[in-house]
Amino acid sequence: SLDNNAALQILTLGTNSIGQDGAIALANTLLINNTLECLDLEWNSIGDWGAASFAQALESNSTLKKLILGANAIGHSGFFAISKALESNKALASLDLTLNSGDATKAAVILAQGLRSNRSLAELHLNNIGPEGTQVMKSCHLFAQTIDRVIQTRHQPTINDVDGILHNWRILSCTQDRRRRLPLHCAADTNLRWMDGTREIVEANYLALGEADAVTGLYPFMLAAVGECSDYCTVFRMLQCHPGLIHGYI
């Protein structure tokens, strides 16, 4: 029984015909279990009632970090319940809701209501959310690509890109890599232009402008000014956002 299990951290039950009743039973265990970190229930037809049960569990559960509910015939009422749970949940970092029922754009709008006050979800899987869904996700600092991928491809996420994983830049922009570099340092070091992604990184974590890079010791505006592909507009925008950075160099 998961109620008393103190060891299991990952549970994969995809394509097991669990249905609504099975989902409700599993969701009830999450009200008690405090060790499970990843639960995969894709392709189980849990429906709106099953989704609502998990939403209720998420409001109090503090250990589950990844929940996969893709292809489960979840409609708008299920999304409403999940959105409400996201307002108070402080543990979930990854949520997969792809291939579910109803209008995907409306689902994105519904989820955005809860995401605006959520501070833990870093990754959201959705598909075919359209232009309106794209804009509402951006208002929650959720974009179609990770910072690293934006740096590699050097282009702004477009509407067509928003068909898969949405990453929360508000959280990722404050996350250091193995060399203790912030995404803004990495972006500036590769001369990512302001309009190609740097603007969003700065807006998500303005304070990073005043943090020196752990590798070079340079501030982001300095990194952006170095290299054959450096862009003076990006440097100017950074200093415009934080003019105090240059006072010690004048």
Protein backbone atom coordinates (compact mmCIF):
# COMPACT_ATOMS: atom_id res chain seq x y z
CA SER A 1 0.00 0.00 0.00
CA LEU A 2 1.28 3.46 -0.92
CA ASP A 3 -0.31 4.88 2.22
CA ASN A 4 2.42 3.43 4.40
CA ASN A 5 5.22 3.02 1.84
CA ALA A 6 8.27 5.02 2.87
CA ALA A 7 10.64 3.96 0.08
CA LEU A 8 8.98 4.20 -3.35
CA GLN A 9 9.83 7.44 -5.14
CA ILE A 10 8.88 6.70 -8.77
CA LEU A 11 5.67 4.98 -9.90
CA THR A 12 4.93 4.34 -13.59
CA LEU A 13 1.46 3.06 -14.44
CA GLY A 14 0.98 4.31 -17.98
CA THR A 15 -1.51 2.48 -20.25
CA ASN A 16 -2.98 0.35 -17.47
CA SER A 17 -6.70 1.08 -17.87
CA ILE A 18 -6.82 2.54 -14.37
CA GLY A 19 -9.79 4.71 -15.19
CA GLN A 20 -11.58 7.21 -12.98
CA ASP A 21 -11.97 4.94 -9.94
CA GLY A 22 -8.32 3.89 -9.95
CA ALA A 23 -7.22 7.51 -10.28
CA ILE A 24 -9.36 8.57 -7.33
CA ALA A 25 -7.86 5.77 -5.22
CA LEU A 26 -4.31 6.76 -6.16
CA ALA A 27 -5.01 10.43 -5.54
CA ASN A 28 -6.24 9.59 -2.04
CA THR A 29 -2.90 7.94 -1.27
CA LEU A 30 -1.13 11.19 -2.15
CA LEU A 31 -2.96 12.81 0.74
CA ILE A 32 -1.02 10.50 3.06
CA ASN A 33 2.13 9.40 1.20
CA ASN A 34 5.12 11.69 1.64
CA THR A 35 7.86 9.91 -0.33
CA LEU A 36 6.57 9.57 -3.92
CA GLU A 37 8.25 12.11 -6.19
CA CYS A 38 7.24 11.01 -9.71
CA LEU A 39 3.91 9.56 -10.86
CA ASP A 40 3.25 8.56 -14.50
CA LEU A 41 -0.39 7.87 -15.37
CA GLU A 42 -0.56 8.65 -19.10
CA TRP A 43 -3.14 6.89 -21.30
CA ASN A 44 -5.42 5.77 -18.47
CA SER A 45 -8.69 7.59 -19.25
CA ILE A 46 -8.99 9.09 -15.77
CA GLY A 47 -11.25 11.92 -17.04
CA ASP A 48 -12.25 15.08 -15.23
CA TRP A 49 -13.14 13.37 -11.96
CA GLY A 50 -9.77 11.67 -11.81
CA ALA A 51 -8.00 14.94 -12.59
CA ALA A 52 -10.02 16.74 -9.91
CA SER A 53 -9.00 14.10 -7.37
CA PHE A 54 -5.33 14.63 -8.14
CA ALA A 55 -5.85 18.38 -7.99
CA GLN A 56 -7.26 18.04 -4.49
CA ALA A 57 -4.26 15.95 -3.47
CA LEU A 58 -1.84 18.50 -4.92
CA GLU A 59 -3.25 21.22 -2.71
CA SER A 60 -1.75 19.50 0.35
CA ASN A 61 0.94 17.16 -1.02
CA SER A 62 4.46 18.52 -0.53
CA THR A 63 6.67 15.83 -2.07
CA LEU A 64 5.42 15.00 -5.58
CA LYS A 65 7.68 16.77 -8.09
CA LYS A 66 6.60 15.27 -11.41
CA LEU A 67 3.09 14.31 -12.54
CA ILE A 68 2.28 12.89 -15.98
CA LEU A 69 -1.41 12.99 -16.91
CA GLY A 70 -1.13 13.04 -20.70
CA ALA A 71 -3.79 11.40 -22.90
CA ASN A 72 -6.35 10.98 -20.13
CA ALA A 73 -9.51 12.55 -21.58
CA ILE A 74 -9.23 15.50 -19.20
CA GLY A 75 -11.54 18.36 -20.17
CA HIS A 76 -11.97 21.96 -19.08
CA SER A 77 -13.43 21.15 -15.65
CA GLY A 78 -10.39 18.98 -14.93
CA PHE A 79 -8.09 21.80 -16.00
CA PHE A 80 -9.96 24.22 -13.75
CA ALA A 81 -9.36 21.93 -10.76
CA ILE A 82 -5.67 21.54 -11.59
CA SER A 83 -5.28 25.29 -12.08
CA LYS A 84 -6.79 25.92 -8.65
CA ALA A 85 -4.38 23.42 -7.10
CA LEU A 86 -1.37 25.12 -8.72
CA GLU A 87 -2.18 28.29 -6.83
CA SER A 88 -1.21 26.67 -3.53
CA ASN A 89 1.08 23.77 -4.50
CA LYS A 90 4.73 24.45 -3.66
CA ALA A 91 6.39 21.19 -4.71
CA LEU A 92 5.39 20.17 -8.24
CA ALA A 93 8.12 21.06 -10.76
CA SER A 94 6.95 19.22 -13.89
CA LEU A 95 3.42 18.62 -15.19
CA ASP A 96 2.42 16.82 -18.41
CA LEU A 97 -1.10 17.49 -19.73
CA THR A 98 -0.62 16.77 -23.43
CA LEU A 99 -3.18 15.03 -25.68
CA ASN A 100 -6.20 15.68 -23.48
CA SER A 101 -9.78 16.62 -24.37
CA GLY A 102 -11.26 20.03 -25.10
CA ASP A 103 -9.82 23.16 -26.64
CA ALA A 104 -6.07 23.34 -25.91
CA THR A 105 -6.03 27.14 -26.13
CA LYS A 106 -8.79 27.42 -23.53
CA ALA A 107 -6.93 24.90 -21.37
CA ALA A 108 -3.84 27.14 -21.46
CA VAL A 109 -5.91 30.17 -20.46
CA ILE A 110 -7.46 28.21 -17.58
CA LEU A 111 -4.09 26.94 -16.32
CA ALA A 112 -2.59 30.42 -16.49
CA GLN A 113 -4.90 31.54 -13.70
CA GLY A 114 -3.17 29.20 -11.27
CA LEU A 115 0.30 29.60 -12.73
CA ARG A 116 0.43 33.32 -12.02
CA SER A 117 0.73 32.67 -8.29
CA ASN A 118 2.64 29.38 -8.54
CA ARG A 119 6.33 29.47 -7.61
CA SER A 120 7.45 25.87 -8.14
CA LEU A 121 6.38 24.63 -11.60
CA ALA A 122 9.36 24.89 -13.94
CA GLU A 123 8.12 22.68 -16.76
CA LEU A 124 4.66 22.33 -18.31
CA HIS A 125 3.84 19.99 -21.21
CA LEU A 126 0.99 21.16 -23.47
CA ASN A 127 0.32 21.01 -27.19
CA ASN A 128 -1.44 23.01 -29.89
CA ILE A 129 -2.28 25.96 -27.64
CA GLY A 130 -2.35 28.48 -30.51
CA PRO A 131 -1.55 32.23 -30.55
CA GLU A 132 -3.82 33.15 -27.62
CA GLY A 133 -2.45 30.34 -25.49
CA THR A 134 1.08 31.40 -26.41
CA GLN A 135 0.52 34.94 -25.21
CA VAL A 136 -1.11 33.93 -21.95
CA MET A 137 1.73 31.51 -21.21
CA LYS A 138 4.25 34.27 -21.83
CA SER A 139 2.43 36.42 -19.28
CA CYS A 140 3.26 33.67 -16.78
CA HIS A 141 6.92 33.63 -17.91
CA LEU A 142 6.37 30.27 -19.62
CA PHE A 143 8.08 29.88 -22.98
CA ALA A 144 8.45 27.11 -25.53
CA GLN A 145 12.16 26.53 -25.12
CA THR A 146 14.73 26.30 -22.37
CA ILE A 147 17.31 29.07 -22.01
CA ASP A 148 20.03 26.71 -23.29
CA ARG A 149 18.06 25.86 -26.42
CA VAL A 150 17.36 29.52 -27.14
CA ILE A 151 21.10 30.21 -26.89
CA GLN A 152 21.88 27.32 -29.25
CA THR A 153 19.30 28.20 -31.90
CA ARG A 154 19.50 31.99 -31.45
CA HIS A 155 15.85 32.69 -32.14
CA GLN A 156 12.81 33.78 -30.24
CA PRO A 157 10.18 31.09 -29.56
CA THR A 158 7.36 31.46 -32.07
CA ILE A 159 3.76 30.34 -32.04
CA ASN A 160 4.73 27.22 -33.98
CA ASP A 161 7.31 26.32 -31.32
CA VAL A 162 4.68 26.21 -28.60
CA ASP A 163 3.79 22.57 -29.09
CA GLY A 164 5.48 20.58 -26.37
CA ILE A 165 7.40 21.65 -23.30
CA LEU A 166 6.89 25.09 -21.78
CA HIS A 167 9.61 26.20 -19.39
CA ASN A 168 9.16 28.74 -16.64
CA TRP A 169 11.88 31.32 -17.14
CA ARG A 170 10.95 33.01 -13.87
CA ILE A 171 12.36 29.92 -12.12
CA LEU A 172 15.04 28.85 -14.61
CA SER A 173 16.49 32.36 -14.85
CA CYS A 174 17.52 32.07 -11.19
CA THR A 175 18.98 28.57 -11.54
CA GLN A 176 22.76 28.24 -11.73
CA ASP A 177 24.50 25.61 -13.85
CA ARG A 178 27.37 23.40 -12.70
CA ARG A 179 29.82 26.28 -13.06
CA ARG A 180 27.54 28.52 -10.98
CA ARG A 181 26.57 30.57 -14.00
CA LEU A 182 23.10 32.04 -14.36
CA PRO A 183 21.28 31.82 -17.72
CA LEU A 184 21.90 35.53 -18.29
CA HIS A 185 25.66 34.98 -18.03
CA CYS A 186 25.45 32.12 -20.55
CA ALA A 187 23.30 34.19 -22.91
CA ALA A 188 25.62 37.20 -22.74
CA ASP A 189 28.71 35.03 -23.19
CA THR A 190 27.27 33.63 -26.45
CA ASN A 191 26.22 37.13 -27.58
CA LEU A 192 22.52 36.31 -27.64
CA ARG A 193 20.81 39.44 -28.93
CA TRP A 194 18.27 41.41 -26.88
CA MET A 195 15.33 40.65 -29.16
CA ASP A 196 16.32 37.00 -29.61
CA GLY A 197 15.81 36.01 -25.98
CA THR A 198 17.98 38.15 -23.69
CA ARG A 199 15.10 40.53 -22.98
CA GLU A 200 12.94 37.73 -21.58
CA ILE A 201 15.79 36.44 -19.42
CA VAL A 202 16.37 39.92 -17.97
CA GLU A 203 12.65 40.48 -17.37
CA ALA A 204 12.45 37.15 -15.54
CA ASN A 205 15.44 37.92 -13.29
CA TYR A 206 16.39 41.60 -13.31
CA LEU A 207 18.79 41.15 -10.37
CA ALA A 208 21.08 38.96 -12.48
CA LEU A 209 22.27 42.12 -14.26
CA GLY A 210 24.15 43.05 -11.09
CA GLU A 211 25.74 39.64 -10.53
CA ALA A 212 29.26 38.97 -11.76
CA ASP A 213 29.85 35.80 -13.77
CA ALA A 214 31.42 33.04 -11.65
CA VAL A 215 33.66 31.97 -14.55
CA THR A 216 34.98 35.27 -15.94
CA GLY A 217 34.20 37.72 -13.16
CA LEU A 218 32.47 39.98 -15.68
CA TYR A 219 28.99 41.45 -15.42
CA PRO A 220 26.45 40.46 -18.10
CA PHE A 221 26.76 43.76 -20.00
CA MET A 222 30.53 43.22 -20.18
CA LEU A 223 30.14 39.67 -21.46
CA ALA A 224 27.68 40.88 -24.09
CA ALA A 225 30.22 43.43 -25.32
CA VAL A 226 32.95 40.84 -25.94
CA GLY A 227 33.33 38.74 -29.09
CA GLU A 228 32.93 39.00 -32.85
CA CYS A 229 29.12 38.71 -32.61
CA SER A 230 28.68 41.26 -29.81
CA ASP A 231 25.67 43.54 -30.22
CA TYR A 232 25.83 47.13 -28.96
CA CYS A 233 22.03 47.30 -28.74
CA THR A 234 21.98 44.41 -26.23
CA VAL A 235 24.69 46.06 -24.14
CA PHE A 236 22.79 49.36 -24.22
CA ARG A 237 19.53 47.71 -23.17
CA MET A 238 21.21 46.00 -20.23
CA LEU A 239 22.71 49.27 -19.03
CA GLN A 240 19.42 51.04 -19.62
CA CYS A 241 17.74 48.53 -17.30
CA HIS A 242 20.46 48.89 -14.67
CA PRO A 243 22.36 52.20 -15.21
CA GLY A 244 24.10 51.94 -11.86
CA LEU A 245 26.34 49.21 -13.24
CA ILE A 246 28.48 51.64 -15.19
CA HIS A 247 29.00 54.28 -12.49
CA GLY A 248 32.21 52.70 -11.23
CA TYR A 249 33.70 52.67 -14.73
CA ILE A 250 33.14 56.29 -15.74
